Amino acid sequence: MKHVSKRTPGKFDVLVKAKELAIYTIHITHNEKHFPKKYRFSIVKNLQDKAMYILDCLTMANELNPCGKDTFYPEIYERRKVYQKEAYAACRSLLTMIDIAVELFDIQVAGS
């Protein structure tokens, strides 16, 4: 029998959004109209790797529960914060890479 979690993804569940970001990044970077093949192993790979890293960090943070039955574990809480900070920093880095790609490949951004 498969274990079914009682917790359901909320409207802004960060893991759901991180997974969507990773999938979207992979799909969009495979579009040769925006990302020529000669950049597949440099810029494209970096964008994809960073999006997957964000998902990995948030998954690791989510797996660490600092609250036991009757105890709070500060060392687990601190490790969880480290993963969250790594994910945040990776988001900022990904945004910078996207800015570079937009300029380098003259990608039209929706709403601009």
PDB file of N, CA and C in Angstrom:
ATOM      1  N   MET A   1       0.839  -1.179   0.000  1.00  0.00           N
ATOM      2  CA  MET A   1       0.000   0.000   0.000  1.00  0.00           C
ATOM      3  C   MET A   1       0.885   1.244   0.000  1.00  0.00           C
ATOM      4  N   LYS A   2       0.566   2.166  -0.879  1.00  0.00           N
ATOM      5  CA  LYS A   2       1.341   3.395  -1.002  1.00  0.00           C
ATOM      6  C   LYS A   2       0.993   4.344   0.132  1.00  0.00           C
ATOM      7  N   HIS A   3       2.042   4.967   0.715  1.00  0.00           N
ATOM      8  CA  HIS A   3       1.846   5.964   1.773  1.00  0.00           C
ATOM      9  C   HIS A   3       1.339   7.251   1.151  1.00  0.00           C
ATOM     10  N   VAL A   4       0.252   7.769   1.656  1.00  0.00           N
ATOM     11  CA  VAL A   4      -0.304   9.020   1.165  1.00  0.00           C
ATOM     12  C   VAL A   4      -0.152  10.061   2.260  1.00  0.00           C
ATOM     13  N   SER A   5       0.522  11.147   1.911  1.00  0.00           N
ATOM     14  CA  SER A   5       0.752  12.219   2.865  1.00  0.00           C
ATOM     15  C   SER A   5      -0.548  12.957   3.151  1.00  0.00           C
ATOM     16  N   LYS A   6      -0.717  13.368   4.402  1.00  0.00           N
ATOM     17  CA  LYS A   6      -1.876  14.166   4.781  1.00  0.00           C
ATOM     18  C   LYS A   6      -1.725  15.596   4.290  1.00  0.00           C
ATOM     19  N   ARG A   7      -0.483  16.002   4.086  1.00  0.00           N
ATOM     20  CA  ARG A   7      -0.197  17.359   3.655  1.00  0.00           C
ATOM     21  C   ARG A   7      -0.412  17.467   2.149  1.00  0.00           C
ATOM     22  N   THR A   8      -1.143  18.459   1.740  1.00  0.00           N
ATOM     23  CA  THR A   8      -1.356  18.678   0.316  1.00  0.00           C
ATOM     24  C   THR A   8      -0.631  19.960  -0.094  1.00  0.00           C
ATOM     25  N   PRO A   9      -0.206  20.018  -1.353  1.00  0.00           N
ATOM     26  CA  PRO A   9       0.492  21.230  -1.789  1.00  0.00           C
ATOM     27  C   PRO A   9      -0.422  22.444  -1.705  1.00  0.00           C
ATOM     28  N   GLY A  10       0.091  23.489  -1.068  1.00  0.00           N
ATOM     29  CA  GLY A  10      -0.658  24.731  -0.994  1.00  0.00           C
ATOM     30  C   GLY A  10      -0.517  25.493  -2.288  1.00  0.00           C
ATOM     31  N   LYS A  11      -1.251  26.574  -2.403  1.00  0.00           N
ATOM     32  CA  LYS A  11      -1.229  27.369  -3.620  1.00  0.00           C
ATOM     33  C   LYS A  11       0.184  27.844  -3.958  1.00  0.00           C
ATOM     34  N   PHE A  12       0.989  28.160  -2.947  1.00  0.00           N
ATOM     35  CA  PHE A  12       2.344  28.662  -3.175  1.00  0.00           C
ATOM     36  C   PHE A  12       3.405  27.728  -2.601  1.00  0.00           C
ATOM     37  N   ASP A  13       3.120  26.446  -2.566  1.00  0.00           N
ATOM     38  CA  ASP A  13       4.068  25.471  -2.038  1.00  0.00           C
ATOM     39  C   ASP A  13       5.393  25.590  -2.792  1.00  0.00           C
ATOM     40  N   VAL A  14       6.436  25.886  -2.070  1.00  0.00           N
ATOM     41  CA  VAL A  14       7.735  26.176  -2.681  1.00  0.00           C
ATOM     42  C   VAL A  14       8.296  24.976  -3.451  1.00  0.00           C
ATOM     43  N   LEU A  15       8.053  23.762  -2.983  1.00  0.00           N
ATOM     44  CA  LEU A  15       8.557  22.603  -3.719  1.00  0.00           C
ATOM     45  C   LEU A  15       7.835  22.432  -5.051  1.00  0.00           C
ATOM     46  N   VAL A  16       6.543  22.675  -5.059  1.00  0.00           N
ATOM     47  CA  VAL A  16       5.780  22.593  -6.308  1.00  0.00           C
ATOM     48  C   VAL A  16       6.297  23.645  -7.290  1.00  0.00           C
ATOM     49  N   LYS A  17       6.508  24.857  -6.807  1.00  0.00           N
ATOM     50  CA  LYS A  17       7.001  25.938  -7.666  1.00  0.00           C
ATOM     51  C   LYS A  17       8.425  25.661  -8.152  1.00  0.00           C
ATOM     52  N   ALA A  18       9.264  25.109  -7.303  1.00  0.00           N
ATOM     53  CA  ALA A  18      10.638  24.793  -7.707  1.00  0.00           C
ATOM     54  C   ALA A  18      10.646  23.705  -8.783  1.00  0.00           C
ATOM     55  N   LYS A  19       9.765  22.732  -8.642  1.00  0.00           N
ATOM     56  CA  LYS A  19       9.662  21.677  -9.660  1.00  0.00           C
ATOM     57  C   LYS A  19       9.159  22.269 -10.971  1.00  0.00           C
ATOM     58  N   GLU A  20       8.160  23.118 -10.904  1.00  0.00           N
ATOM     59  CA  GLU A  20       7.651  23.775 -12.109  1.00  0.00           C
ATOM     60  C   GLU A  20       8.748  24.607 -12.776  1.00  0.00           C
ATOM     61  N   LEU A  21       9.547  25.302 -11.970  1.00  0.00           N
ATOM     62  CA  LEU A  21      10.647  26.093 -12.498  1.00  0.00           C
ATOM     63  C   LEU A  21      11.653  25.212 -13.230  1.00  0.00           C
ATOM     64  N   ALA A  22      12.008  24.087 -12.635  1.00  0.00           N
ATOM     65  CA  ALA A  22      12.977  23.179 -13.251  1.00  0.00           C
ATOM     66  C   ALA A  22      12.439  22.642 -14.579  1.00  0.00           C
ATOM     67  N   ILE A  23      11.200  22.206 -14.584  1.00  0.00           N
ATOM     68  CA  ILE A  23      10.595  21.671 -15.812  1.00  0.00           C
ATOM     69  C   ILE A  23      10.517  22.751 -16.888  1.00  0.00           C
ATOM     70  N   TYR A  24      10.052  23.931 -16.506  1.00  0.00           N
ATOM     71  CA  TYR A  24       9.938  25.032 -17.459  1.00  0.00           C
ATOM     72  C   TYR A  24      11.310  25.411 -18.024  1.00  0.00           C
ATOM     73  N   THR A  25      12.300  25.476 -17.165  1.00  0.00           N
ATOM     74  CA  THR A  25      13.653  25.831 -17.599  1.00  0.00           C
ATOM     75  C   THR A  25      14.175  24.830 -18.617  1.00  0.00           C
ATOM     76  N   ILE A  26      13.963  23.558 -18.359  1.00  0.00           N
ATOM     77  CA  ILE A  26      14.419  22.523 -19.300  1.00  0.00           C
ATOM     78  C   ILE A  26      13.695  22.669 -20.632  1.00  0.00           C
ATOM     79  N   HIS A  27      12.383  22.854 -20.582  1.00  0.00           N
ATOM     80  CA  HIS A  27      11.616  23.008 -21.826  1.00  0.00           C
ATOM     81  C   HIS A  27      12.054  24.237 -22.621  1.00  0.00           C
ATOM     82  N   ILE A  28      12.142  25.367 -21.965  1.00  0.00           N
ATOM     83  CA  ILE A  28      12.430  26.623 -22.672  1.00  0.00           C
ATOM     84  C   ILE A  28      13.850  26.656 -23.222  1.00  0.00           C
ATOM     85  N   THR A  29      14.781  26.049 -22.509  1.00  0.00           N
ATOM     86  CA  THR A  29      16.170  26.084 -22.985  1.00  0.00           C
ATOM     87  C   THR A  29      16.428  25.097 -24.119  1.00  0.00           C
ATOM     88  N   HIS A  30      15.496  24.208 -24.369  1.00  0.00           N
ATOM     89  CA  HIS A  30      15.632  23.303 -25.518  1.00  0.00           C
ATOM     90  C   HIS A  30      15.099  23.930 -26.804  1.00  0.00           C
ATOM     91  N   ASN A  31      14.577  25.133 -26.717  1.00  0.00           N
ATOM     92  CA  ASN A  31      14.056  25.837 -27.877  1.00  0.00           C
ATOM     93  C   ASN A  31      15.224  26.478 -28.634  1.00  0.00           C
ATOM     94  N   GLU A  32      15.542  25.922 -29.791  1.00  0.00           N
ATOM     95  CA  GLU A  32      16.697  26.406 -30.560  1.00  0.00           C
ATOM     96  C   GLU A  32      16.476  27.800 -31.138  1.00  0.00           C
ATOM     97  N   LYS A  33      15.245  28.279 -31.153  1.00  0.00           N
ATOM     98  CA  LYS A  33      14.998  29.652 -31.589  1.00  0.00           C
ATOM     99  C   LYS A  33      15.601  30.639 -30.588  1.00  0.00           C
ATOM    100  N   HIS A  34      15.627  30.248 -29.315  1.00  0.00           N
ATOM    101  CA  HIS A  34      16.154  31.118 -28.262  1.00  0.00           C
ATOM    102  C   HIS A  34      17.584  30.763 -27.871  1.00  0.00           C
ATOM    103  N   PHE A  35      17.898  29.475 -27.878  1.00  0.00           N
ATOM    104  CA  PHE A  35      19.204  29.017 -27.407  1.00  0.00           C
ATOM    105  C   PHE A  35      19.858  28.143 -28.479  1.00  0.00           C
ATOM    106  N   PRO A  36      20.744  28.715 -29.284  1.00  0.00           N
ATOM    107  CA  PRO A  36      21.403  27.938 -30.340  1.00  0.00           C
ATOM    108  C   PRO A  36      22.154  26.733 -29.769  1.00  0.00           C
ATOM    109  N   LYS A  37      22.231  25.679 -30.588  1.00  0.00           N
ATOM    110  CA  LYS A  37      22.868  24.431 -30.154  1.00  0.00           C
ATOM    111  C   LYS A  37      24.302  24.625 -29.657  1.00  0.00           C
ATOM    112  N   LYS A  38      25.000  25.577 -30.237  1.00  0.00           N
ATOM    113  CA  LYS A  38      26.406  25.752 -29.834  1.00  0.00           C
ATOM    114  C   LYS A  38      26.539  26.205 -28.373  1.00  0.00           C
ATOM    115  N   TYR A  39      25.432  26.654 -27.761  1.00  0.00           N
ATOM    116  CA  TYR A  39      25.455  27.063 -26.356  1.00  0.00           C
ATOM    117  C   TYR A  39      24.878  25.994 -25.427  1.00  0.00           C
ATOM    118  N   ARG A  40      24.555  24.828 -25.972  1.00  0.00           N
ATOM    119  CA  ARG A  40      23.906  23.759 -25.211  1.00  0.00           C
ATOM    120  C   ARG A  40      24.732  23.332 -23.992  1.00  0.00           C
ATOM    121  N   PHE A  41      26.054  23.267 -24.137  1.00  0.00           N
ATOM    122  CA  PHE A  41      26.886  22.761 -23.042  1.00  0.00           C
ATOM    123  C   PHE A  41      27.522  23.868 -22.211  1.00  0.00           C
ATOM    124  N   SER A  42      27.110  25.080 -22.446  1.00  0.00           N
ATOM    125  CA  SER A  42      27.622  26.169 -21.611  1.00  0.00           C
ATOM    126  C   SER A  42      26.441  26.856 -20.926  1.00  0.00           C
ATOM    127  N   ILE A  43      25.860  27.810 -21.567  1.00  0.00           N
ATOM    128  CA  ILE A  43      24.783  28.587 -20.942  1.00  0.00           C
ATOM    129  C   ILE A  43      23.571  27.724 -20.619  1.00  0.00           C
ATOM    130  N   VAL A  44      23.123  26.921 -21.581  1.00  0.00           N
ATOM    131  CA  VAL A  44      21.923  26.098 -21.370  1.00  0.00           C
ATOM    132  C   VAL A  44      22.122  25.131 -20.213  1.00  0.00           C
ATOM    133  N   LYS A  45      23.258  24.456 -20.199  1.00  0.00           N
ATOM    134  CA  LYS A  45      23.525  23.497 -19.113  1.00  0.00           C
ATOM    135  C   LYS A  45      23.554  24.204 -17.760  1.00  0.00           C
ATOM    136  N   ASN A  46      24.164  25.376 -17.700  1.00  0.00           N
ATOM    137  CA  ASN A  46      24.218  26.124 -16.441  1.00  0.00           C
ATOM    138  C   ASN A  46      22.832  26.528 -15.964  1.00  0.00           C
ATOM    139  N   LEU A  47      21.976  26.983 -16.872  1.00  0.00           N
ATOM    140  CA  LEU A  47      20.606  27.351 -16.499  1.00  0.00           C
ATOM    141  C   LEU A  47      19.847  26.138 -15.958  1.00  0.00           C
ATOM    142  N   GLN A  48      19.952  25.031 -16.665  1.00  0.00           N
ATOM    143  CA  GLN A  48      19.256  23.813 -16.240  1.00  0.00           C
ATOM    144  C   GLN A  48      19.799  23.297 -14.909  1.00  0.00           C
ATOM    145  N   ASP A  49      21.104  23.277 -14.782  1.00  0.00           N
ATOM    146  CA  ASP A  49      21.718  22.789 -13.536  1.00  0.00           C
ATOM    147  C   ASP A  49      21.312  23.655 -12.336  1.00  0.00           C
ATOM    148  N   LYS A  50      21.270  24.966 -12.537  1.00  0.00           N
ATOM    149  CA  LYS A  50      20.914  25.869 -11.437  1.00  0.00           C
ATOM    150  C   LYS A  50      19.462  25.657 -11.024  1.00  0.00           C
ATOM    151  N   ALA A  51      18.567  25.493 -11.979  1.00  0.00           N
ATOM    152  CA  ALA A  51      17.158  25.246 -11.656  1.00  0.00           C
ATOM    153  C   ALA A  51      17.001  23.924 -10.899  1.00  0.00           C
ATOM    154  N   MET A  52      17.746  22.913 -11.296  1.00  0.00           N
ATOM    155  CA  MET A  52      17.679  21.622 -10.598  1.00  0.00           C
ATOM    156  C   MET A  52      18.301  21.726  -9.203  1.00  0.00           C
ATOM    157  N   TYR A  53      19.348  22.523  -9.071  1.00  0.00           N
ATOM    158  CA  TYR A  53      19.990  22.719  -7.769  1.00  0.00           C
ATOM    159  C   TYR A  53      19.034  23.382  -6.778  1.00  0.00           C
ATOM    160  N   ILE A  54      18.265  24.350  -7.270  1.00  0.00           N
ATOM    161  CA  ILE A  54      17.263  25.002  -6.413  1.00  0.00           C
ATOM    162  C   ILE A  54      16.286  23.961  -5.897  1.00  0.00           C
ATOM    163  N   LEU A  55      15.794  23.118  -6.780  1.00  0.00           N
ATOM    164  CA  LEU A  55      14.863  22.056  -6.381  1.00  0.00           C
ATOM    165  C   LEU A  55      15.526  21.105  -5.386  1.00  0.00           C
ATOM    166  N   ASP A  56      16.768  20.726  -5.627  1.00  0.00           N
ATOM    167  CA  ASP A  56      17.484  19.826  -4.712  1.00  0.00           C
ATOM    168  C   ASP A  56      17.617  20.434  -3.315  1.00  0.00           C
ATOM    169  N   CYS A  57      18.036  21.691  -3.243  1.00  0.00           N
ATOM    170  CA  CYS A  57      18.210  22.347  -1.941  1.00  0.00           C
ATOM    171  C   CYS A  57      16.903  22.411  -1.165  1.00  0.00           C
ATOM    172  N   LEU A  58      15.839  22.776  -1.854  1.00  0.00           N
ATOM    173  CA  LEU A  58      14.554  22.890  -1.172  1.00  0.00           C
ATOM    174  C   LEU A  58      14.008  21.532  -0.752  1.00  0.00           C
ATOM    175  N   THR A  59      14.278  20.510  -1.555  1.00  0.00           N
ATOM    176  CA  THR A  59      13.868  19.156  -1.178  1.00  0.00           C
ATOM    177  C   THR A  59      14.622  18.712   0.073  1.00  0.00           C
ATOM    178  N   MET A  60      15.924  18.968   0.099  1.00  0.00           N
ATOM    179  CA  MET A  60      16.720  18.601   1.276  1.00  0.00           C
ATOM    180  C   MET A  60      16.241  19.362   2.515  1.00  0.00           C
ATOM    181  N   ALA A  61      15.981  20.653   2.368  1.00  0.00           N
ATOM    182  CA  ALA A  61      15.497  21.449   3.496  1.00  0.00           C
ATOM    183  C   ALA A  61      14.161  20.915   4.002  1.00  0.00           C
ATOM    184  N   ASN A  62      13.306  20.538   3.079  1.00  0.00           N
ATOM    185  CA  ASN A  62      11.984  20.043   3.444  1.00  0.00           C
ATOM    186  C   ASN A  62      12.045  18.711   4.196  1.00  0.00           C
ATOM    187  N   GLU A  63      13.072  17.936   3.917  1.00  0.00           N
ATOM    188  CA  GLU A  63      13.210  16.629   4.572  1.00  0.00           C
ATOM    189  C   GLU A  63      13.689  16.740   6.015  1.00  0.00           C
ATOM    190  N   LEU A  64      14.247  17.881   6.375  1.00  0.00           N
ATOM    191  CA  LEU A  64      14.764  18.071   7.731  1.00  0.00           C
ATOM    192  C   LEU A  64      13.672  18.665   8.615  1.00  0.00           C
ATOM    193  N   ASN A  65      13.239  17.903   9.573  1.00  0.00           N
ATOM    194  CA  ASN A  65      12.205  18.374  10.488  1.00  0.00           C
ATOM    195  C   ASN A  65      12.829  18.594  11.860  1.00  0.00           C
ATOM    196  N   PRO A  66      12.958  19.855  12.275  1.00  0.00           N
ATOM    197  CA  PRO A  66      13.616  20.141  13.553  1.00  0.00           C
ATOM    198  C   PRO A  66      12.729  19.891  14.768  1.00  0.00           C
ATOM    199  N   CYS A  67      11.496  19.549  14.544  1.00  0.00           N
ATOM    200  CA  CYS A  67      10.569  19.340  15.656  1.00  0.00           C
ATOM    201  C   CYS A  67      10.270  17.856  15.826  1.00  0.00           C
ATOM    202  N   GLY A  68      10.719  17.332  16.951  1.00  0.00           N
ATOM    203  CA  GLY A  68      10.398  15.963  17.299  1.00  0.00           C
ATOM    204  C   GLY A  68       9.087  15.930  18.054  1.00  0.00           C
ATOM    205  N   LYS A  69       8.778  14.796  18.619  1.00  0.00           N
ATOM    206  CA  LYS A  69       7.512  14.650  19.353  1.00  0.00           C
ATOM    207  C   LYS A  69       7.386  15.704  20.453  1.00  0.00           C
ATOM    208  N   ASP A  70       8.393  15.798  21.291  1.00  0.00           N
ATOM    209  CA  ASP A  70       8.376  16.779  22.382  1.00  0.00           C
ATOM    210  C   ASP A  70       9.654  17.605  22.434  1.00  0.00           C
ATOM    211  N   THR A  71      10.423  17.580  21.359  1.00  0.00           N
ATOM    212  CA  THR A  71      11.739  18.214  21.386  1.00  0.00           C
ATOM    213  C   THR A  71      11.968  19.040  20.131  1.00  0.00           C
ATOM    214  N   PHE A  72      12.680  20.131  20.308  1.00  0.00           N
ATOM    215  CA  PHE A  72      13.128  20.947  19.182  1.00  0.00           C
ATOM    216  C   PHE A  72      14.615  20.711  19.013  1.00  0.00           C
ATOM    217  N   TYR A  73      15.058  20.436  17.788  1.00  0.00           N
ATOM    218  CA  TYR A  73      16.457  20.139  17.506  1.00  0.00           C
ATOM    219  C   TYR A  73      17.090  21.321  16.766  1.00  0.00           C
ATOM    220  N   PRO A  74      17.793  22.196  17.492  1.00  0.00           N
ATOM    221  CA  PRO A  74      18.357  23.391  16.858  1.00  0.00           C
ATOM    222  C   PRO A  74      19.377  23.087  15.763  1.00  0.00           C
ATOM    223  N   GLU A  75      20.133  21.993  15.889  1.00  0.00           N
ATOM    224  CA  GLU A  75      21.132  21.671  14.867  1.00  0.00           C
ATOM    225  C   GLU A  75      20.456  21.290  13.546  1.00  0.00           C
ATOM    226  N   ILE A  76      19.326  20.623  13.622  1.00  0.00           N
ATOM    227  CA  ILE A  76      18.582  20.282  12.403  1.00  0.00           C
ATOM    228  C   ILE A  76      17.977  21.544  11.801  1.00  0.00           C
ATOM    229  N   TYR A  77      17.483  22.418  12.658  1.00  0.00           N
ATOM    230  CA  TYR A  77      16.922  23.688  12.210  1.00  0.00           C
ATOM    231  C   TYR A  77      17.981  24.510  11.472  1.00  0.00           C
ATOM    232  N   GLU A  78      19.188  24.532  12.007  1.00  0.00           N
ATOM    233  CA  GLU A  78      20.281  25.283  11.369  1.00  0.00           C
ATOM    234  C   GLU A  78      20.656  24.684  10.019  1.00  0.00           C
ATOM    235  N   ARG A  79      20.709  23.349   9.927  1.00  0.00           N
ATOM    236  CA  ARG A  79      21.005  22.696   8.640  1.00  0.00           C
ATOM    237  C   ARG A  79      19.917  23.015   7.627  1.00  0.00           C
ATOM    238  N   ARG A  80      18.677  23.027   8.081  1.00  0.00           N
ATOM    239  CA  ARG A  80      17.553  23.347   7.202  1.00  0.00           C
ATOM    240  C   ARG A  80      17.693  24.777   6.659  1.00  0.00           C
ATOM    241  N   LYS A  81      18.062  25.702   7.542  1.00  0.00           N
ATOM    242  CA  LYS A  81      18.253  27.095   7.113  1.00  0.00           C
ATOM    243  C   LYS A  81      19.370  27.217   6.084  1.00  0.00           C
ATOM    244  N   VAL A  82      20.419  26.421   6.233  1.00  0.00           N
ATOM    245  CA  VAL A  82      21.529  26.451   5.272  1.00  0.00           C
ATOM    246  C   VAL A  82      21.020  26.069   3.880  1.00  0.00           C
ATOM    247  N   TYR A  83      20.242  25.004   3.794  1.00  0.00           N
ATOM    248  CA  TYR A  83      19.685  24.597   2.498  1.00  0.00           C
ATOM    249  C   TYR A  83      18.768  25.676   1.926  1.00  0.00           C
ATOM    250  N   GLN A  84      17.971  26.297   2.774  1.00  0.00           N
ATOM    251  CA  GLN A  84      17.076  27.357   2.311  1.00  0.00           C
ATOM    252  C   GLN A  84      17.865  28.552   1.782  1.00  0.00           C
ATOM    253  N   LYS A  85      18.941  28.902   2.481  1.00  0.00           N
ATOM    254  CA  LYS A  85      19.780  30.022   2.031  1.00  0.00           C
ATOM    255  C   LYS A  85      20.480  29.679   0.721  1.00  0.00           C
ATOM    256  N   GLU A  86      20.910  28.437   0.576  1.00  0.00           N
ATOM    257  CA  GLU A  86      21.532  27.988  -0.679  1.00  0.00           C
ATOM    258  C   GLU A  86      20.533  28.117  -1.832  1.00  0.00           C
ATOM    259  N   ALA A  87      19.305  27.716  -1.584  1.00  0.00           N
ATOM    260  CA  ALA A  87      18.269  27.805  -2.621  1.00  0.00           C
ATOM    261  C   ALA A  87      18.021  29.263  -2.994  1.00  0.00           C
ATOM    262  N   TYR A  88      17.959  30.124  -2.003  1.00  0.00           N
ATOM    263  CA  TYR A  88      17.737  31.547  -2.265  1.00  0.00           C
ATOM    264  C   TYR A  88      18.880  32.129  -3.095  1.00  0.00           C
ATOM    265  N   ALA A  89      20.096  31.815  -2.717  1.00  0.00           N
ATOM    266  CA  ALA A  89      21.263  32.309  -3.458  1.00  0.00           C
ATOM    267  C   ALA A  89      21.254  31.771  -4.887  1.00  0.00           C
ATOM    268  N   ALA A  90      20.863  30.519  -5.051  1.00  0.00           N
ATOM    269  CA  ALA A  90      20.799  29.923  -6.386  1.00  0.00           C
ATOM    270  C   ALA A  90      19.714  30.596  -7.228  1.00  0.00           C
ATOM    271  N   CYS A  91      18.619  30.997  -6.595  1.00  0.00           N
ATOM    272  CA  CYS A  91      17.566  31.736  -7.312  1.00  0.00           C
ATOM    273  C   CYS A  91      18.109  33.061  -7.838  1.00  0.00           C
ATOM    274  N   ARG A  92      18.843  33.762  -6.992  1.00  0.00           N
ATOM    275  CA  ARG A  92      19.438  35.040  -7.415  1.00  0.00           C
ATOM    276  C   ARG A  92      20.427  34.818  -8.565  1.00  0.00           C
ATOM    277  N   SER A  93      21.213  33.774  -8.463  1.00  0.00           N
ATOM    278  CA  SER A  93      22.174  33.442  -9.502  1.00  0.00           C
ATOM    279  C   SER A  93      21.459  33.093 -10.813  1.00  0.00           C
ATOM    280  N   LEU A  94      20.385  32.313 -10.717  1.00  0.00           N
ATOM    281  CA  LEU A  94      19.617  31.942 -11.907  1.00  0.00           C
ATOM    282  C   LEU A  94      19.027  33.187 -12.573  1.00  0.00           C
ATOM    283  N   LEU A  95      18.517  34.102 -11.772  1.00  0.00           N
ATOM    284  CA  LEU A  95      17.977  35.344 -12.333  1.00  0.00           C
ATOM    285  C   LEU A  95      19.048  36.127 -13.096  1.00  0.00           C
ATOM    286  N   THR A  96      20.251  36.157 -12.563  1.00  0.00           N
ATOM    287  CA  THR A  96      21.352  36.839 -13.244  1.00  0.00           C
ATOM    288  C   THR A  96      21.677  36.145 -14.561  1.00  0.00           C
ATOM    289  N   MET A  97      21.703  34.815 -14.546  1.00  0.00           N
ATOM    290  CA  MET A  97      21.961  34.062 -15.776  1.00  0.00           C
ATOM    291  C   MET A  97      20.872  34.302 -16.810  1.00  0.00           C
ATOM    292  N   ILE A  98      19.626  34.396 -16.356  1.00  0.00           N
ATOM    293  CA  ILE A  98      18.515  34.674 -17.267  1.00  0.00           C
ATOM    294  C   ILE A  98      18.681  36.053 -17.895  1.00  0.00           C
ATOM    295  N   ASP A  99      19.065  37.045 -17.085  1.00  0.00           N
ATOM    296  CA  ASP A  99      19.305  38.395 -17.611  1.00  0.00           C
ATOM    297  C   ASP A  99      20.376  38.372 -18.703  1.00  0.00           C
ATOM    298  N   ILE A 100      21.431  37.620 -18.474  1.00  0.00           N
ATOM    299  CA  ILE A 100      22.503  37.512 -19.458  1.00  0.00           C
ATOM    300  C   ILE A 100      21.984  36.857 -20.738  1.00  0.00           C
ATOM    301  N   ALA A 101      21.225  35.774 -20.596  1.00  0.00           N
ATOM    302  CA  ALA A 101      20.682  35.070 -21.761  1.00  0.00           C
ATOM    303  C   ALA A 101      19.730  35.966 -22.555  1.00  0.00           C
ATOM    304  N   VAL A 102      18.916  36.738 -21.850  1.00  0.00           N
ATOM    305  CA  VAL A 102      17.977  37.646 -22.520  1.00  0.00           C
ATOM    306  C   VAL A 102      18.747  38.648 -23.382  1.00  0.00           C
ATOM    307  N   GLU A 103      19.808  39.206 -22.840  1.00  0.00           N
ATOM    308  CA  GLU A 103      20.609  40.172 -23.605  1.00  0.00           C
ATOM    309  C   GLU A 103      21.413  39.501 -24.715  1.00  0.00           C
ATOM    310  N   LEU A 104      22.028  38.382 -24.391  1.00  0.00           N
ATOM    311  CA  LEU A 104      22.897  37.699 -25.345  1.00  0.00           C
ATOM    312  C   LEU A 104      22.134  37.178 -26.553  1.00  0.00           C
ATOM    313  N   PHE A 105      20.952  36.627 -26.323  1.00  0.00           N
ATOM    314  CA  PHE A 105      20.187  35.996 -27.399  1.00  0.00           C
ATOM    315  C   PHE A 105      18.997  36.840 -27.857  1.00  0.00           C
ATOM    316  N   ASP A 106      18.902  38.064 -27.353  1.00  0.00           N
ATOM    317  CA  ASP A 106      17.821  38.976 -27.724  1.00  0.00           C
ATOM    318  C   ASP A 106      16.455  38.297 -27.569  1.00  0.00           C
ATOM    319  N   ILE A 107      16.244  37.700 -26.419  1.00  0.00           N
ATOM    320  CA  ILE A 107      14.988  37.009 -26.117  1.00  0.00           C
ATOM    321  C   ILE A 107      13.965  38.063 -25.703  1.00  0.00           C
ATOM    322  N   GLN A 108      12.784  37.975 -26.281  1.00  0.00           N
ATOM    323  CA  GLN A 108      11.712  38.898 -25.941  1.00  0.00           C
ATOM    324  C   GLN A 108      11.022  38.401 -24.675  1.00  0.00           C
ATOM    325  N   VAL A 109      10.954  39.264 -23.668  1.00  0.00           N
ATOM    326  CA  VAL A 109      10.354  38.916 -22.392  1.00  0.00           C
ATOM    327  C   VAL A 109       8.909  39.375 -22.408  1.00  0.00           C
ATOM    328  N   ALA A 110       8.004  38.508 -21.979  1.00  0.00           N
ATOM    329  CA  ALA A 110       6.578  38.853 -21.931  1.00  0.00           C
ATOM    330  C   ALA A 110       6.366  40.079 -21.048  1.00  0.00           C
ATOM    331  N   GLY A 111       5.533  40.992 -21.514  1.00  0.00           N
ATOM    332  CA  GLY A 111       5.215  42.167 -20.720  1.00  0.00           C
ATOM    333  C   GLY A 111       6.165  43.331 -20.928  1.00  0.00           C
ATOM    334  N   SER A 112       7.154  43.151 -21.805  1.00  0.00           N
ATOM    335  CA  SER A 112       8.088  44.286 -22.010  1.00  0.00           C
ATOM    336  C   SER A 112       7.998  44.820 -23.414  1.00  0.00           C
TER     337      SER A 112
END
